Amino acid sequence: MFTVTVRDHVMIAHSFRGALFGPAQRLHGATYVVDVEFRAEALDPNGVVIDIGAALDALKAALEPWAYRNLDDLPEFKGINTTTEYLAKVLFDKLAAEVRAGTLGRAAEEITGMKVVFNESHVASAGYEGTP
């Protein structure tokens, strides 16, 4: 299995509902380092898994609406706990749509897997993976 991983970061603010979250129920900030891995069984005729530049651009564009924003204020997250795991799935879905549209320089059926990881710190991360 061949892989390509691209990385970016995003700074957000949010709060959680529920006693499970303790002090995180209050508004707080987070800086996530976000990794997205694309997988393919074989390289394309150019010898690549995916167009890295296009993948980086797509990741940056997907994160931009969240950057320096309070996620609690965004309509797409109304009434939702924007946990790290949840954000990983939302980003996965956004980038999977790009893969299916063919905008990342490779036919969708040739990308056999994708993994999104939100790194909260050097000791904790959460993610989502599947087939785009």
N, C-alpha and C. Protein backbone atom coordinates (compact mmCIF):
# COMPACT_ATOMS: atom_id res chain seq x y z
N MET A 1 0.85 -1.18 0.00
CA MET A 1 0.00 0.00 0.00
C MET A 1 0.89 1.24 0.00
N PHE A 2 0.66 2.14 -0.93
CA PHE A 2 1.38 3.41 -1.00
C PHE A 2 0.58 4.48 -0.26
N THR A 3 1.28 5.39 0.37
CA THR A 3 0.60 6.46 1.11
C THR A 3 1.28 7.80 0.85
N VAL A 4 0.47 8.84 0.94
CA VAL A 4 0.95 10.21 0.96
C VAL A 4 0.20 10.90 2.08
N THR A 5 0.94 11.64 2.91
CA THR A 5 0.32 12.38 4.01
C THR A 5 0.62 13.86 3.84
N VAL A 6 -0.43 14.67 4.00
CA VAL A 6 -0.26 16.12 4.00
C VAL A 6 -0.67 16.63 5.37
N ARG A 7 -0.15 17.80 5.74
CA ARG A 7 -0.36 18.34 7.08
C ARG A 7 -0.62 19.83 7.02
N ASP A 8 -1.50 20.27 7.93
CA ASP A 8 -1.75 21.70 8.14
C ASP A 8 -2.15 21.85 9.60
N HIS A 9 -2.52 23.04 9.97
CA HIS A 9 -2.99 23.25 11.36
C HIS A 9 -4.15 24.23 11.34
N VAL A 10 -4.89 24.22 12.44
CA VAL A 10 -6.01 25.16 12.58
C VAL A 10 -6.16 25.51 14.05
N MET A 11 -6.40 26.80 14.31
CA MET A 11 -6.67 27.29 15.67
C MET A 11 -8.15 27.61 15.76
N ILE A 12 -8.81 27.01 16.77
CA ILE A 12 -10.26 27.19 16.93
C ILE A 12 -10.57 27.48 18.40
N ALA A 13 -11.82 27.85 18.64
CA ALA A 13 -12.36 27.92 20.00
C ALA A 13 -13.67 27.13 19.97
N HIS A 14 -14.03 26.56 21.12
CA HIS A 14 -15.30 25.84 21.23
C HIS A 14 -15.55 25.51 22.69
N SER A 15 -16.74 25.01 22.97
CA SER A 15 -17.08 24.52 24.30
C SER A 15 -17.89 23.24 24.12
N PHE A 16 -18.01 22.49 25.19
CA PHE A 16 -18.75 21.23 25.15
C PHE A 16 -19.90 21.24 26.14
N ARG A 17 -20.90 20.45 25.83
CA ARG A 17 -22.01 20.24 26.77
C ARG A 17 -21.88 18.85 27.36
N GLY A 18 -22.09 18.73 28.67
CA GLY A 18 -22.07 17.44 29.33
C GLY A 18 -21.02 17.37 30.42
N ALA A 19 -21.40 16.77 31.53
CA ALA A 19 -20.51 16.67 32.70
C ALA A 19 -19.21 15.93 32.37
N LEU A 20 -19.25 15.02 31.41
CA LEU A 20 -18.05 14.28 31.01
C LEU A 20 -16.88 15.21 30.71
N PHE A 21 -17.19 16.41 30.21
CA PHE A 21 -16.15 17.32 29.73
C PHE A 21 -15.58 18.25 30.79
N GLY A 22 -16.11 18.21 32.00
CA GLY A 22 -15.55 19.00 33.09
C GLY A 22 -15.33 20.44 32.69
N PRO A 23 -14.10 20.96 32.92
CA PRO A 23 -13.84 22.37 32.63
C PRO A 23 -13.92 22.71 31.14
N ALA A 24 -13.87 21.72 30.26
CA ALA A 24 -13.96 21.98 28.82
C ALA A 24 -15.39 22.38 28.42
N GLN A 25 -16.31 22.37 29.39
CA GLN A 25 -17.65 22.88 29.10
C GLN A 25 -17.60 24.40 28.90
N ARG A 26 -16.56 25.02 29.45
CA ARG A 26 -16.38 26.45 29.24
C ARG A 26 -15.67 26.67 27.89
N LEU A 27 -15.83 27.85 27.35
CA LEU A 27 -15.17 28.19 26.10
C LEU A 27 -13.66 28.04 26.27
N HIS A 28 -13.02 27.37 25.34
CA HIS A 28 -11.57 27.19 25.38
C HIS A 28 -11.05 27.09 23.95
N GLY A 29 -9.77 27.27 23.82
CA GLY A 29 -9.14 27.21 22.51
C GLY A 29 -8.42 25.90 22.29
N ALA A 30 -8.18 25.59 21.03
CA ALA A 30 -7.40 24.41 20.66
C ALA A 30 -6.64 24.73 19.38
N THR A 31 -5.44 24.24 19.31
CA THR A 31 -4.66 24.30 18.08
C THR A 31 -4.41 22.86 17.65
N TYR A 32 -4.97 22.51 16.52
CA TYR A 32 -4.82 21.15 16.00
C TYR A 32 -3.82 21.12 14.88
N VAL A 33 -2.93 20.13 14.91
CA VAL A 33 -2.11 19.79 13.76
C VAL A 33 -2.85 18.65 13.08
N VAL A 34 -3.20 18.85 11.82
CA VAL A 34 -4.08 17.92 11.11
C VAL A 34 -3.30 17.19 10.02
N ASP A 35 -3.33 15.86 10.09
CA ASP A 35 -2.70 15.02 9.08
C ASP A 35 -3.78 14.29 8.28
N VAL A 36 -3.60 14.27 6.97
CA VAL A 36 -4.50 13.51 6.11
C VAL A 36 -3.65 12.57 5.26
N GLU A 37 -3.93 11.29 5.39
CA GLU A 37 -3.21 10.26 4.63
C GLU A 37 -4.11 9.73 3.52
N PHE A 38 -3.56 9.65 2.32
CA PHE A 38 -4.24 9.07 1.17
C PHE A 38 -3.53 7.76 0.82
N ARG A 39 -4.30 6.72 0.51
CA ARG A 39 -3.73 5.41 0.21
C ARG A 39 -4.14 4.95 -1.19
N ALA A 40 -3.20 4.26 -1.83
CA ALA A 40 -3.48 3.65 -3.14
C ALA A 40 -2.70 2.35 -3.24
N GLU A 41 -3.32 1.37 -3.90
CA GLU A 41 -2.66 0.06 -4.10
C GLU A 41 -1.46 0.18 -5.04
N ALA A 42 -1.56 1.12 -5.99
CA ALA A 42 -0.49 1.28 -6.98
C ALA A 42 -0.27 2.77 -7.25
N LEU A 43 0.89 3.07 -7.73
CA LEU A 43 1.19 4.44 -8.15
C LEU A 43 0.57 4.69 -9.52
N ASP A 44 0.26 5.95 -9.79
CA ASP A 44 -0.29 6.28 -11.11
C ASP A 44 0.86 6.33 -12.13
N PRO A 45 0.58 6.59 -13.40
CA PRO A 45 1.64 6.62 -14.42
C PRO A 45 2.74 7.64 -14.13
N ASN A 46 2.43 8.65 -13.30
CA ASN A 46 3.45 9.63 -12.93
C ASN A 46 4.28 9.19 -11.73
N GLY A 47 3.92 8.06 -11.13
CA GLY A 47 4.65 7.54 -9.99
C GLY A 47 4.21 8.13 -8.66
N VAL A 48 2.96 8.61 -8.58
CA VAL A 48 2.48 9.23 -7.34
C VAL A 48 1.17 8.60 -6.88
N VAL A 49 0.87 8.81 -5.60
CA VAL A 49 -0.41 8.40 -5.03
C VAL A 49 -1.47 9.44 -5.37
N ILE A 50 -1.11 10.70 -5.19
CA ILE A 50 -2.04 11.81 -5.38
C ILE A 50 -1.21 13.07 -5.61
N ASP A 51 -1.80 14.09 -6.16
CA ASP A 51 -1.12 15.37 -6.34
C ASP A 51 -1.00 16.04 -4.98
N ILE A 52 0.21 16.06 -4.43
CA ILE A 52 0.42 16.59 -3.08
C ILE A 52 0.01 18.05 -3.00
N GLY A 53 0.33 18.84 -4.00
CA GLY A 53 -0.04 20.25 -3.99
C GLY A 53 -1.55 20.43 -3.94
N ALA A 54 -2.27 19.66 -4.74
CA ALA A 54 -3.73 19.75 -4.73
C ALA A 54 -4.30 19.28 -3.39
N ALA A 55 -3.71 18.25 -2.81
CA ALA A 55 -4.16 17.75 -1.51
C ALA A 55 -3.93 18.80 -0.43
N LEU A 56 -2.77 19.45 -0.47
CA LEU A 56 -2.49 20.52 0.51
C LEU A 56 -3.47 21.68 0.35
N ASP A 57 -3.74 22.06 -0.88
CA ASP A 57 -4.69 23.14 -1.13
C ASP A 57 -6.08 22.78 -0.63
N ALA A 58 -6.51 21.54 -0.87
CA ALA A 58 -7.83 21.09 -0.44
C ALA A 58 -7.94 21.07 1.08
N LEU A 59 -6.87 20.62 1.75
CA LEU A 59 -6.86 20.60 3.21
C LEU A 59 -6.95 22.01 3.76
N LYS A 60 -6.14 22.90 3.24
CA LYS A 60 -6.15 24.30 3.69
C LYS A 60 -7.53 24.93 3.48
N ALA A 61 -8.13 24.70 2.33
CA ALA A 61 -9.45 25.26 2.03
C ALA A 61 -10.52 24.69 2.95
N ALA A 62 -10.42 23.41 3.29
CA ALA A 62 -11.41 22.78 4.17
C ALA A 62 -11.32 23.29 5.60
N LEU A 63 -10.11 23.60 6.05
CA LEU A 63 -9.91 24.08 7.42
C LEU A 63 -10.18 25.58 7.57
N GLU A 64 -10.02 26.33 6.49
CA GLU A 64 -10.09 27.79 6.55
C GLU A 64 -11.36 28.34 7.20
N PRO A 65 -12.55 27.80 6.93
CA PRO A 65 -13.76 28.37 7.55
C PRO A 65 -13.79 28.22 9.08
N TRP A 66 -12.98 27.33 9.61
CA TRP A 66 -12.94 27.11 11.07
C TRP A 66 -11.86 27.94 11.75
N ALA A 67 -10.89 28.42 10.99
CA ALA A 67 -9.70 29.07 11.55
C ALA A 67 -10.05 30.34 12.31
N TYR A 68 -9.53 30.42 13.53
CA TYR A 68 -9.71 31.59 14.40
C TYR A 68 -11.19 31.89 14.64
N ARG A 69 -12.01 30.85 14.66
CA ARG A 69 -13.44 30.99 14.87
C ARG A 69 -13.86 30.20 16.10
N ASN A 70 -14.95 30.64 16.71
CA ASN A 70 -15.62 29.87 17.76
C ASN A 70 -16.57 28.92 17.03
N LEU A 71 -16.27 27.64 17.04
CA LEU A 71 -17.09 26.67 16.32
C LEU A 71 -18.53 26.65 16.82
N ASP A 72 -18.73 27.04 18.07
CA ASP A 72 -20.09 27.09 18.63
C ASP A 72 -20.97 28.08 17.86
N ASP A 73 -20.35 29.05 17.20
CA ASP A 73 -21.10 30.08 16.47
C ASP A 73 -21.40 29.71 15.02
N LEU A 74 -20.81 28.63 14.52
CA LEU A 74 -21.00 28.26 13.12
C LEU A 74 -22.26 27.42 12.94
N PRO A 75 -23.10 27.77 11.98
CA PRO A 75 -24.36 27.03 11.77
C PRO A 75 -24.17 25.52 11.58
N GLU A 76 -23.08 25.11 10.92
CA GLU A 76 -22.87 23.68 10.66
C GLU A 76 -22.66 22.87 11.95
N PHE A 77 -22.32 23.56 13.04
CA PHE A 77 -22.07 22.87 14.31
C PHE A 77 -23.10 23.20 15.38
N LYS A 78 -24.20 23.80 15.00
CA LYS A 78 -25.25 24.19 15.95
C LYS A 78 -25.71 22.97 16.75
N GLY A 79 -25.58 23.05 18.09
CA GLY A 79 -26.06 22.00 18.97
C GLY A 79 -25.21 20.74 18.99
N ILE A 80 -23.99 20.79 18.42
CA ILE A 80 -23.13 19.61 18.34
C ILE A 80 -21.88 19.82 19.18
N ASN A 81 -21.46 18.79 19.92
CA ASN A 81 -20.18 18.83 20.59
C ASN A 81 -19.10 18.60 19.54
N THR A 82 -18.32 19.61 19.28
CA THR A 82 -17.28 19.52 18.25
C THR A 82 -16.02 18.88 18.82
N THR A 83 -16.17 17.62 19.22
CA THR A 83 -15.03 16.87 19.75
C THR A 83 -14.00 16.68 18.64
N THR A 84 -12.83 16.32 19.03
CA THR A 84 -11.76 16.07 18.07
C THR A 84 -12.17 14.96 17.10
N GLU A 85 -12.79 13.91 17.63
CA GLU A 85 -13.23 12.81 16.79
C GLU A 85 -14.27 13.27 15.77
N TYR A 86 -15.20 14.09 16.23
CA TYR A 86 -16.25 14.59 15.35
C TYR A 86 -15.65 15.45 14.23
N LEU A 87 -14.73 16.33 14.58
CA LEU A 87 -14.11 17.19 13.58
C LEU A 87 -13.34 16.38 12.54
N ALA A 88 -12.70 15.29 12.99
CA ALA A 88 -11.97 14.43 12.05
C ALA A 88 -12.92 13.84 11.01
N LYS A 89 -14.11 13.43 11.43
CA LYS A 89 -15.09 12.85 10.49
C LYS A 89 -15.62 13.92 9.53
N VAL A 90 -15.89 15.11 10.04
CA VAL A 90 -16.37 16.19 9.18
C VAL A 90 -15.32 16.52 8.12
N LEU A 91 -14.07 16.63 8.52
CA LEU A 91 -13.01 16.91 7.56
C LEU A 91 -12.84 15.76 6.57
N PHE A 92 -12.91 14.53 7.07
CA PHE A 92 -12.83 13.36 6.18
C PHE A 92 -13.88 13.48 5.08
N ASP A 93 -15.12 13.78 5.47
CA ASP A 93 -16.20 13.87 4.49
C ASP A 93 -15.95 14.97 3.46
N LYS A 94 -15.42 16.11 3.92
CA LYS A 94 -15.12 17.20 2.99
C LYS A 94 -14.05 16.78 1.97
N LEU A 95 -12.99 16.14 2.45
CA LEU A 95 -11.91 15.75 1.56
C LEU A 95 -12.28 14.55 0.70
N ALA A 96 -13.11 13.66 1.23
CA ALA A 96 -13.58 12.52 0.44
C ALA A 96 -14.39 13.03 -0.76
N ALA A 97 -15.14 14.09 -0.57
CA ALA A 97 -15.90 14.69 -1.67
C ALA A 97 -14.94 15.20 -2.75
N GLU A 98 -13.82 15.76 -2.33
CA GLU A 98 -12.81 16.23 -3.30
C GLU A 98 -12.21 15.05 -4.07
N VAL A 99 -11.95 13.96 -3.35
CA VAL A 99 -11.42 12.76 -4.02
C VAL A 99 -12.42 12.26 -5.04
N ARG A 100 -13.69 12.14 -4.65
CA ARG A 100 -14.73 11.64 -5.55
C ARG A 100 -14.92 12.56 -6.76
N ALA A 101 -14.69 13.85 -6.57
CA ALA A 101 -14.82 14.81 -7.67
C ALA A 101 -13.61 14.77 -8.61
N GLY A 102 -12.55 14.08 -8.21
CA GLY A 102 -11.36 13.97 -9.04
C GLY A 102 -10.47 15.20 -9.02
N THR A 103 -10.65 16.08 -8.04
CA THR A 103 -9.90 17.33 -8.01
C THR A 103 -8.49 17.20 -7.42
N LEU A 104 -8.14 16.00 -6.94
CA LEU A 104 -6.83 15.83 -6.32
C LEU A 104 -5.84 15.10 -7.24
N GLY A 105 -6.16 15.07 -8.53
CA GLY A 105 -5.21 14.56 -9.50
C GLY A 105 -5.17 13.05 -9.65
N ARG A 106 -6.22 12.39 -9.19
CA ARG A 106 -6.25 10.92 -9.30
C ARG A 106 -7.71 10.48 -9.36
N ALA A 107 -8.00 9.47 -10.15
CA ALA A 107 -9.36 8.94 -10.23
C ALA A 107 -9.78 8.41 -8.86
N ALA A 108 -10.99 8.72 -8.49
CA ALA A 108 -11.50 8.38 -7.15
C ALA A 108 -11.34 6.90 -6.84
N GLU A 109 -11.65 6.04 -7.79
CA GLU A 109 -11.60 4.60 -7.52
C GLU A 109 -10.18 4.09 -7.28
N GLU A 110 -9.19 4.89 -7.59
CA GLU A 110 -7.80 4.50 -7.38
C GLU A 110 -7.30 4.86 -5.97
N ILE A 111 -8.04 5.71 -5.25
CA ILE A 111 -7.70 6.03 -3.86
C ILE A 111 -8.47 5.05 -2.99
N THR A 112 -7.75 4.12 -2.40
CA THR A 112 -8.40 3.01 -1.69
C THR A 112 -8.66 3.29 -0.21
N GLY A 113 -8.08 4.34 0.30
CA GLY A 113 -8.30 4.67 1.70
C GLY A 113 -7.82 6.06 2.02
N MET A 114 -8.35 6.57 3.12
CA MET A 114 -7.98 7.90 3.58
C MET A 114 -8.09 7.91 5.11
N LYS A 115 -7.20 8.62 5.75
CA LYS A 115 -7.21 8.72 7.21
C LYS A 115 -6.96 10.17 7.58
N VAL A 116 -7.80 10.70 8.47
CA VAL A 116 -7.67 12.06 8.98
C VAL A 116 -7.37 11.98 10.47
N VAL A 117 -6.30 12.64 10.90
CA VAL A 117 -5.93 12.66 12.32
C VAL A 117 -5.79 14.10 12.78
N PHE A 118 -6.51 14.43 13.86
CA PHE A 118 -6.38 15.72 14.52
C PHE A 118 -5.49 15.51 15.74
N ASN A 119 -4.30 16.08 15.72
CA ASN A 119 -3.37 15.99 16.83
C ASN A 119 -3.62 17.14 17.79
N GLU A 120 -4.10 16.82 18.99
CA GLU A 120 -4.40 17.84 19.99
C GLU A 120 -3.14 18.33 20.70
N SER A 121 -2.21 17.44 20.86
CA SER A 121 -0.95 17.74 21.53
C SER A 121 0.03 16.65 21.16
N HIS A 122 1.18 16.67 21.80
CA HIS A 122 2.18 15.64 21.52
C HIS A 122 1.81 14.30 22.16
N VAL A 123 0.76 14.26 22.98
CA VAL A 123 0.38 13.02 23.64
C VAL A 123 -1.04 12.55 23.31
N ALA A 124 -1.80 13.29 22.53
CA ALA A 124 -3.20 12.90 22.26
C ALA A 124 -3.62 13.29 20.85
N SER A 125 -4.33 12.37 20.20
CA SER A 125 -4.88 12.64 18.88
C SER A 125 -6.14 11.80 18.71
N ALA A 126 -6.94 12.17 17.73
CA ALA A 126 -8.13 11.40 17.39
C ALA A 126 -8.31 11.50 15.88
N GLY A 127 -8.96 10.48 15.31
CA GLY A 127 -9.10 10.51 13.87
C GLY A 127 -10.26 9.70 13.36
N TYR A 128 -10.32 9.66 12.04
CA TYR A 128 -11.33 8.88 11.33
C TYR A 128 -10.70 8.38 10.05
N GLU A 129 -10.97 7.12 9.70
CA GLU A 129 -10.47 6.60 8.44
C GLU A 129 -11.51 5.74 7.76
N GLY A 130 -11.39 5.68 6.45
CA GLY A 130 -12.32 4.90 5.66
C GLY A 130 -11.98 5.01 4.19
N THR A 131 -12.95 4.63 3.37
CA THR A 131 -12.80 4.72 1.93
C THR A 131 -13.51 5.97 1.44
N PRO A 132 -12.81 6.82 0.70
CA PRO A 132 -13.45 8.08 0.25
C PRO A 132 -14.61 7.85 -0.70
